Protein backbone atom coordinates (compact mmCIF):
# COMPACT_ATOMS: atom_id res chain seq x y z
CA MET A 1 -15.42 25.21 -15.95
CA ASN A 2 -15.07 28.19 -13.60
CA LYS A 3 -14.84 25.98 -10.52
CA ILE A 4 -11.43 24.70 -11.65
CA ILE A 5 -8.85 27.14 -10.29
CA GLU A 6 -5.11 27.41 -10.92
CA PHE A 7 -3.14 26.46 -7.80
CA ASN A 8 -1.63 29.87 -6.98
CA LYS A 9 -4.99 31.61 -7.51
CA MET A 10 -6.60 29.03 -5.22
CA LYS A 11 -4.36 30.20 -2.39
CA LYS A 12 -5.60 33.77 -2.85
CA ILE A 13 -9.25 32.68 -2.92
CA ILE A 14 -8.75 30.75 0.32
CA GLU A 15 -7.12 33.78 1.96
CA GLU A 16 -10.03 36.00 0.91
CA THR A 17 -12.63 33.47 2.07
CA LYS A 18 -11.02 33.16 5.50
CA ARG A 19 -10.96 36.95 5.84
CA GLU A 20 -14.74 36.80 5.44
CA ASN A 21 -14.81 34.52 8.51
CA LYS A 22 -15.76 31.51 6.41
CA THR A 23 -14.15 28.12 6.85
CA VAL A 24 -12.36 26.35 4.00
CA GLY A 25 -12.01 22.57 3.95
CA ILE A 26 -9.66 20.66 1.66
CA CYS A 27 -9.91 17.06 0.47
CA HIS A 28 -6.67 16.06 -1.17
CA GLY A 29 -5.73 12.99 -3.19
CA ALA A 30 -5.45 11.38 -6.60
CA PHE A 31 -9.15 10.37 -6.78
CA ASP A 32 -8.37 8.13 -9.73
CA PRO A 33 -10.73 6.92 -10.89
CA VAL A 34 -13.48 8.95 -9.22
CA HIS A 35 -15.99 6.52 -7.70
CA PRO A 36 -19.10 6.58 -5.45
CA GLY A 37 -16.94 6.45 -2.30
CA HIS A 38 -15.20 9.68 -3.30
CA ILE A 39 -18.49 11.38 -4.11
CA LYS A 40 -19.96 10.42 -0.74
CA HIS A 41 -16.78 11.67 0.96
CA PHE A 42 -17.07 15.05 -0.75
CA GLU A 43 -20.74 15.28 0.19
CA SER A 44 -19.93 14.64 3.85
CA ALA A 45 -16.89 16.93 3.81
CA ALA A 46 -18.99 19.81 2.43
CA LYS A 47 -21.13 19.67 5.58
CA LEU A 48 -18.05 20.33 7.73
CA CYS A 49 -17.04 23.65 6.18
CA ASP A 50 -18.39 26.71 4.36
CA ILE A 51 -16.30 26.20 1.23
CA LEU A 52 -15.01 22.83 0.01
CA VAL A 53 -11.89 22.65 -2.13
CA VAL A 54 -10.72 19.40 -3.72
CA SER A 55 -6.99 19.36 -4.38
CA LEU A 56 -5.95 16.82 -7.02
CA THR A 57 -2.52 15.20 -7.19
CA SER A 58 -1.08 15.97 -10.63
CA ASP A 59 -0.54 13.23 -13.22
CA HIS A 60 3.23 13.45 -12.68
CA PHE A 61 3.04 12.35 -9.06
CA VAL A 62 0.21 9.85 -9.59
CA HIS A 63 2.43 8.17 -12.17
CA LYS A 64 5.44 8.30 -9.83
CA ARG A 65 3.53 6.84 -6.88
CA LYS A 66 1.14 4.36 -8.46
CA GLY A 67 3.13 3.08 -11.42
CA GLU A 68 3.38 3.53 -15.16
CA ASN A 69 -0.22 2.52 -15.87
CA ARG A 70 -1.73 5.33 -13.79
CA SER A 71 -3.48 7.69 -13.84
CA ILE A 72 -6.56 6.16 -15.45
CA TYR A 73 -8.06 9.62 -16.01
CA SER A 74 -5.86 12.62 -16.73
CA GLN A 75 -5.69 15.44 -14.19
CA GLU A 76 -7.93 17.55 -16.42
CA GLU A 77 -10.51 14.77 -16.68
CA ARG A 78 -10.46 14.16 -12.93
CA ALA A 79 -10.83 17.88 -12.28
CA TYR A 80 -13.78 18.14 -14.66
CA ILE A 81 -15.62 15.20 -13.09
CA ILE A 82 -15.19 16.47 -9.54
CA ALA A 83 -16.00 20.08 -10.43
CA SER A 84 -19.36 18.89 -11.80
CA LEU A 85 -20.42 17.79 -8.30
CA GLU A 86 -22.71 20.21 -6.48
CA TYR A 87 -21.01 19.65 -3.11
CA VAL A 88 -17.63 20.85 -4.41
CA ASP A 89 -16.99 24.61 -4.59
CA TYR A 90 -13.53 24.55 -6.19
CA VAL A 91 -11.07 22.10 -7.70
CA THR A 92 -7.35 22.74 -8.04
CA ILE A 93 -4.44 20.62 -9.28
CA SER A 94 -1.48 20.31 -6.92
CA ASP A 95 1.96 19.65 -8.36
CA PHE A 96 3.31 18.77 -4.93
CA GLU A 97 4.17 15.18 -4.10
CA THR A 98 2.45 15.04 -0.70
CA GLY A 99 -0.60 16.36 1.13
CA LYS A 100 1.75 18.00 3.64
CA GLU A 101 3.13 20.38 1.01
CA THR A 102 -0.36 21.14 -0.33
CA ILE A 103 -1.63 22.01 3.17
CA SER A 104 1.39 24.21 3.91
CA PHE A 105 0.89 26.18 0.70
CA LEU A 106 -2.92 26.58 0.66
CA GLU A 107 -3.41 26.96 4.45
CA PRO A 108 -7.03 25.76 4.73
CA SER A 109 -9.15 25.90 7.88
CA TYR A 110 -9.66 22.15 7.78
CA TYR A 111 -7.98 19.16 6.17
CA ILE A 112 -10.61 16.45 5.73
CA LYS A 113 -9.89 12.73 5.47
CA GLY A 114 -11.99 9.56 5.50
CA PRO A 115 -12.66 7.61 8.72
CA ASP A 116 -10.04 4.95 7.95
CA TYR A 117 -7.32 7.57 8.58
CA LYS A 118 -8.56 8.55 12.04
CA HIS A 119 -6.47 6.04 13.96
CA LYS A 120 -3.62 5.61 11.49
CA ASN A 121 -0.16 6.79 12.50
CA THR A 122 1.81 6.32 9.32
CA LYS A 123 4.56 8.73 8.35
CA GLY A 124 2.33 10.37 5.73
CA ILE A 125 -0.71 11.00 7.93
CA LEU A 126 1.46 12.22 10.82
CA SER A 127 3.10 14.77 8.53
CA GLU A 128 -0.34 15.95 7.32
CA ARG A 129 -1.58 16.34 10.91
CA ALA A 130 1.52 18.38 11.75
CA ALA A 131 1.11 20.52 8.61
CA ILE A 132 -2.53 21.47 9.26
CA LYS A 133 -1.69 22.29 12.88
CA SER A 134 1.24 24.49 11.81
CA VAL A 135 -1.05 26.68 9.64
CA GLY A 136 -3.59 27.06 12.45
CA GLY A 137 -6.07 24.60 10.96
CA GLU A 138 -7.66 21.37 12.14
CA MET A 139 -7.83 17.80 10.88
CA LEU A 140 -11.39 16.52 10.45
CA TYR A 141 -12.73 13.11 9.46
CA THR A 142 -15.90 12.04 7.70
CA ASP A 143 -17.76 8.95 8.90
CA ASP A 144 -18.51 7.39 5.53
CA GLU A 145 -18.00 3.71 4.82
CA LYS A 146 -14.69 3.06 3.09
CA TYR A 147 -14.95 2.34 -0.63
CA SER A 148 -11.71 0.87 -1.95
CA THR A 149 -10.32 2.24 -5.21
CA SER A 150 -7.93 -0.71 -5.47
CA LYS A 151 -10.78 -3.21 -5.13
CA LEU A 152 -12.75 -1.40 -7.83
CA ILE A 153 -9.76 -1.48 -10.18
CA ASP A 154 -9.12 -5.11 -9.29
CA LYS A 155 -12.74 -5.97 -10.07
CA ILE A 156 -12.42 -4.34 -13.49
CA LYS A 157 -9.13 -6.12 -14.13
CA LYS A 158 -10.63 -9.52 -13.35
CA ILE A 159 -13.02 -9.31 -16.28
CA ASN A 160 -11.83 -11.90 -18.82
CA ARG A 161 -8.31 -12.01 -17.36
CA GLU A 162 -6.16 -14.97 -16.43
CA SER A 163 -5.69 -15.42 -12.70
CA LEU A 164 -2.21 -15.22 -11.20
CA LEU A 165 -1.25 -16.22 -7.67
CA LEU A 166 1.82 -14.14 -6.81
CA ILE A 167 3.70 -15.47 -3.78
CA LEU A 168 6.03 -12.84 -2.38
CA ASP A 169 8.91 -13.22 0.03
CA ARG A 170 9.18 -10.25 2.43
CA ASP A 171 12.78 -9.52 3.43
CA GLY A 172 15.00 -9.07 0.39
CA THR A 173 12.00 -9.01 -1.96
CA LEU A 174 9.30 -6.53 -0.93
CA ILE A 175 11.74 -4.69 1.31
CA GLU A 176 15.51 -4.55 1.46
CA GLU A 177 17.19 -7.32 3.44
CA LYS A 178 18.08 -6.31 6.99
CA HIS A 179 19.66 -8.80 9.38
CA PHE A 180 16.72 -9.90 11.54
CA LEU A 181 14.51 -6.85 10.98
CA GLY A 182 12.84 -6.17 14.32
CA LYS A 183 15.92 -6.86 16.43
CA ASN A 184 16.99 -3.21 16.69
CA GLU A 185 15.00 -0.57 18.55
CA ASN A 186 14.75 1.61 15.43
CA TYR A 187 13.47 -1.25 13.27
CA MET A 188 10.64 0.81 11.76
CA GLU A 189 13.21 3.23 10.37
CA GLU A 190 15.03 0.29 8.78
CA ILE A 191 12.13 -0.61 6.47
CA ASP A 192 13.26 0.25 2.95
CA TYR A 193 10.91 -0.69 0.10
CA LYS A 194 12.12 -2.26 -3.13
CA ARG A 195 10.63 0.03 -5.74
CA GLU A 196 11.45 -2.27 -8.62
CA VAL A 197 9.37 -5.10 -7.14
CA ILE A 198 6.43 -2.79 -6.37
CA ASP A 199 6.51 -1.53 -9.95
CA ILE A 200 6.58 -5.10 -11.29
CA ILE A 201 3.45 -5.92 -9.27
CA HIS A 202 1.76 -2.93 -10.93
CA TYR A 203 3.00 -4.20 -14.30
CA LEU A 204 1.57 -7.69 -13.75
CA SER A 205 -1.75 -6.21 -12.64
CA ARG A 206 -2.16 -4.80 -16.15
CA PHE A 207 -2.40 -8.31 -17.60
CA PHE A 208 -3.63 -10.62 -14.84
CA SER A 209 -6.23 -10.85 -12.13
CA LEU A 210 -3.72 -10.83 -9.27
CA THR A 211 -3.91 -12.49 -5.88
CA ASN A 212 -0.88 -11.44 -3.82
CA ILE A 213 0.24 -13.26 -0.68
CA VAL A 214 3.36 -12.84 1.44
CA ILE A 215 5.15 -15.94 2.79
CA THR A 216 8.07 -15.21 5.12
CA ASN A 217 10.31 -17.15 7.51
CA GLN A 218 10.77 -15.27 10.78
CA ALA A 219 13.24 -17.35 12.78
CA GLY A 220 14.12 -14.24 14.79
CA VAL A 221 11.08 -15.04 16.93
CA ALA A 222 12.52 -18.46 17.80
CA TRP A 223 15.91 -16.89 18.51
CA GLY A 224 14.20 -14.46 20.90
CA TYR A 225 15.30 -11.40 18.93
CA PHE A 226 11.74 -10.08 18.65
CA SER A 227 8.14 -11.17 19.26
CA GLU A 228 5.38 -12.29 16.93
CA GLU A 229 3.70 -8.96 17.70
CA THR A 230 6.74 -7.20 16.21
CA VAL A 231 6.46 -9.32 13.04
CA GLN A 232 2.76 -8.44 12.77
CA LEU A 233 3.46 -4.74 13.34
CA ILE A 234 6.09 -4.70 10.59
CA ASN A 235 3.75 -6.60 8.26
CA GLY A 236 0.96 -4.14 9.02
CA THR A 237 3.20 -1.16 8.32
CA ILE A 238 4.30 -2.59 4.97
CA ASN A 239 0.69 -3.45 4.14
CA THR A 240 -0.38 0.16 4.79
CA GLU A 241 2.27 1.46 2.41
CA LEU A 242 1.27 -1.06 -0.25
CA GLU A 243 -2.38 -0.03 0.15
CA LYS A 244 -1.29 3.51 -0.72
CA GLU A 245 0.15 2.02 -3.89
CA GLU A 246 -3.22 0.27 -4.39
CA ILE A 247 -1.60 -3.13 -4.01
CA GLU A 248 -3.72 -5.52 -1.99
CA ILE A 249 -2.11 -8.37 -0.06
CA ALA A 250 -4.65 -11.15 0.43
CA ALA A 251 -2.69 -12.79 3.27
CA TRP A 252 0.44 -12.32 5.38
CA LYS A 253 1.78 -15.71 6.45
CA TYR A 254 4.91 -16.17 8.55
CA ALA A 255 6.73 -19.08 10.18
CA PRO A 256 8.22 -18.16 13.59
CA CYS A 257 9.44 -21.67 14.46
CA VAL A 258 12.64 -23.57 13.72
CA ASP A 259 13.02 -27.35 13.48
CA LYS A 260 14.62 -29.25 16.34
CA THR A 261 17.53 -30.58 14.27
CA TYR A 262 18.58 -27.05 13.31
CA ALA A 263 18.19 -25.81 16.89
CA GLU A 264 20.32 -28.64 18.28
CA LYS A 265 23.02 -27.90 15.73
CA LYS A 266 23.10 -24.22 16.75
CA GLY A 267 22.66 -24.87 20.47
CA ILE A 268 19.11 -25.54 21.53
CA GLU A 269 19.46 -23.44 24.70
CA LYS A 270 19.74 -20.34 22.48
CA PHE A 271 16.14 -20.70 21.30
CA LYS A 272 12.74 -20.12 22.88
CA SER A 273 11.54 -23.66 23.53
CA LYS A 274 7.93 -23.02 22.42
CA TYR A 275 9.21 -22.17 18.94
CA VAL A 276 11.31 -25.32 18.48
CA LYS A 277 9.28 -27.99 16.67
CA GLY A 278 9.84 -31.41 15.19
CA GLU A 279 8.30 -30.14 11.97
CA THR A 280 7.63 -26.55 10.87
CA LYS A 281 5.88 -24.64 8.09
CA ARG A 282 9.05 -22.77 7.13
CA LYS A 283 9.94 -22.35 3.49
CA PRO A 284 10.68 -24.34 1.40
CA SER A 285 7.63 -26.10 2.83
CA PRO A 286 4.53 -25.06 0.85
CA GLN A 287 2.28 -25.50 3.91
CA LEU A 288 1.66 -21.76 4.51
CA VAL A 289 0.51 -21.43 0.90
CA TYR A 290 -1.83 -24.39 1.37
CA ASP A 291 -3.12 -22.83 4.61
CA PHE A 292 -4.09 -19.73 2.63
CA LEU A 293 -5.78 -21.79 -0.08
CA ASN A 294 -7.75 -23.80 2.50
CA GLU A 295 -8.91 -20.60 4.21
CA LYS A 296 -10.19 -19.31 0.88
CA ASN A 297 -11.61 -22.68 -0.23
CA LYS A 298 -9.34 -22.52 -3.25
CA LYS A 299 -7.04 -24.97 -5.02
CA LEU A 300 -3.72 -24.17 -6.60
CA ALA A 301 -4.96 -25.55 -9.92
CA GLU A 302 -7.68 -22.87 -10.04
CA TYR A 303 -5.04 -20.25 -10.85
CA ASN A 304 -3.88 -19.98 -14.42
CA LYS A 305 -0.36 -19.11 -13.27
CA VAL A 306 1.57 -19.26 -10.00
CA LEU A 307 4.77 -17.24 -9.47
CA VAL A 308 7.11 -17.06 -6.49
CA PHE A 309 9.16 -13.87 -6.09
CA GLY A 310 12.14 -14.26 -3.79
CA ASP A 311 15.84 -13.74 -3.28
CA ARG A 312 17.21 -17.01 -1.91
CA GLU A 313 17.27 -20.78 -2.27
CA ASP A 314 14.36 -21.36 0.15
CA ASP A 315 12.11 -19.32 -2.16
CA GLU A 316 13.30 -21.20 -5.25
CA ASN A 317 12.64 -24.54 -3.57
CA LEU A 318 9.21 -23.35 -2.46
CA ALA A 319 8.42 -22.72 -6.12
CA LYS A 320 9.64 -26.24 -7.00
CA ASN A 321 7.48 -27.76 -4.28
CA LEU A 322 4.48 -25.91 -5.70
CA ASN A 323 5.44 -26.87 -9.28
CA SER A 324 5.42 -23.15 -10.11
CA HIS A 325 7.79 -20.56 -11.55
CA PHE A 326 10.47 -18.80 -9.50
CA VAL A 327 11.68 -15.26 -10.15
CA ASN A 328 14.87 -14.30 -8.34
CA VAL A 329 14.69 -10.54 -7.71
CA ALA A 330 18.05 -10.26 -5.93
CA GLY A 331 20.17 -7.50 -7.45
CA LYS A 332 17.84 -7.03 -10.41
CA THR A 333 16.46 -3.79 -11.81
CA TYR A 334 12.84 -3.33 -12.85
CA GLU A 335 13.81 -4.07 -16.47
CA GLY A 336 15.70 -7.18 -15.43
CA ILE A 337 12.73 -8.58 -13.51
CA LYS A 338 10.36 -7.58 -16.31
CA LYS A 339 12.39 -9.51 -18.89
CA GLU A 340 12.22 -12.60 -16.71
CA VAL A 341 8.46 -12.45 -16.08
CA ASP A 342 7.80 -11.70 -19.75
CA ARG A 343 9.45 -15.03 -20.66
CA LEU A 344 7.13 -17.03 -18.41
């Protein structure tokens, strides 16, 4: 199809088009699988420029970013589908890892994203905004309703699949353990994701209809090291990164309180009094899990399997209190975790 252009040639076409005083807009992403939300996005983006180019992330980087079971369609198949759309003038395959590098190389007039990116300030979107500005272009946003690729894939996966409730610890499990993350001023820079756990979630999603929830003790709030707002901001940042991986977290539950006995042992004056309770929902208590189930009008028995991923004794005891399986991820590689979950 003559609308599919090799990446280096695409740069030359864009240069020639701009010399003709025409604007070139780029939509960049994996677009895997292509769905109605993407098509509507391209239709809207085409109205914002003279020539619309769709830049596809190559299979190599889709695989690297989204796990071993992606892409669903090959880069050639994705290119063919998108090139068949009347709103799209050209399609090219980018072998760069990020949108920033694609923008810097192709130098479009506009870089066009969906409305959900308009107010985001993640590292990735900030780098893309800086890149389009550096080449003299402008970031534009469509106003289409968001259509989630991950929800589409999840819907497909749920067909005739066993359900699995995956209960994830945060610190030491989803991200590397930092002593009271949120205490230091540069706490956002301290977030370091555990790739092996993210890849295992992708692996499990191949076989189960997954419901993922995060249950985390955050005693740093009671100690006065940071606020609940800080916990929520960190959770939101991690959630945004997981969304990029097309991993959906159904609930983020945290326990900011400590019990009175513990506080008295450590020196009760060291704690914020409002966060010292006679009884708390801290792990190993299963109460935060039950809170989630009640909110969703679900029962634990409705899931075919329940797993707890964690790195310490509180997580193991939570699993015991739920009569479920515990997987200790501490110090384990992807293959090590995979062997353990395969035995369950």
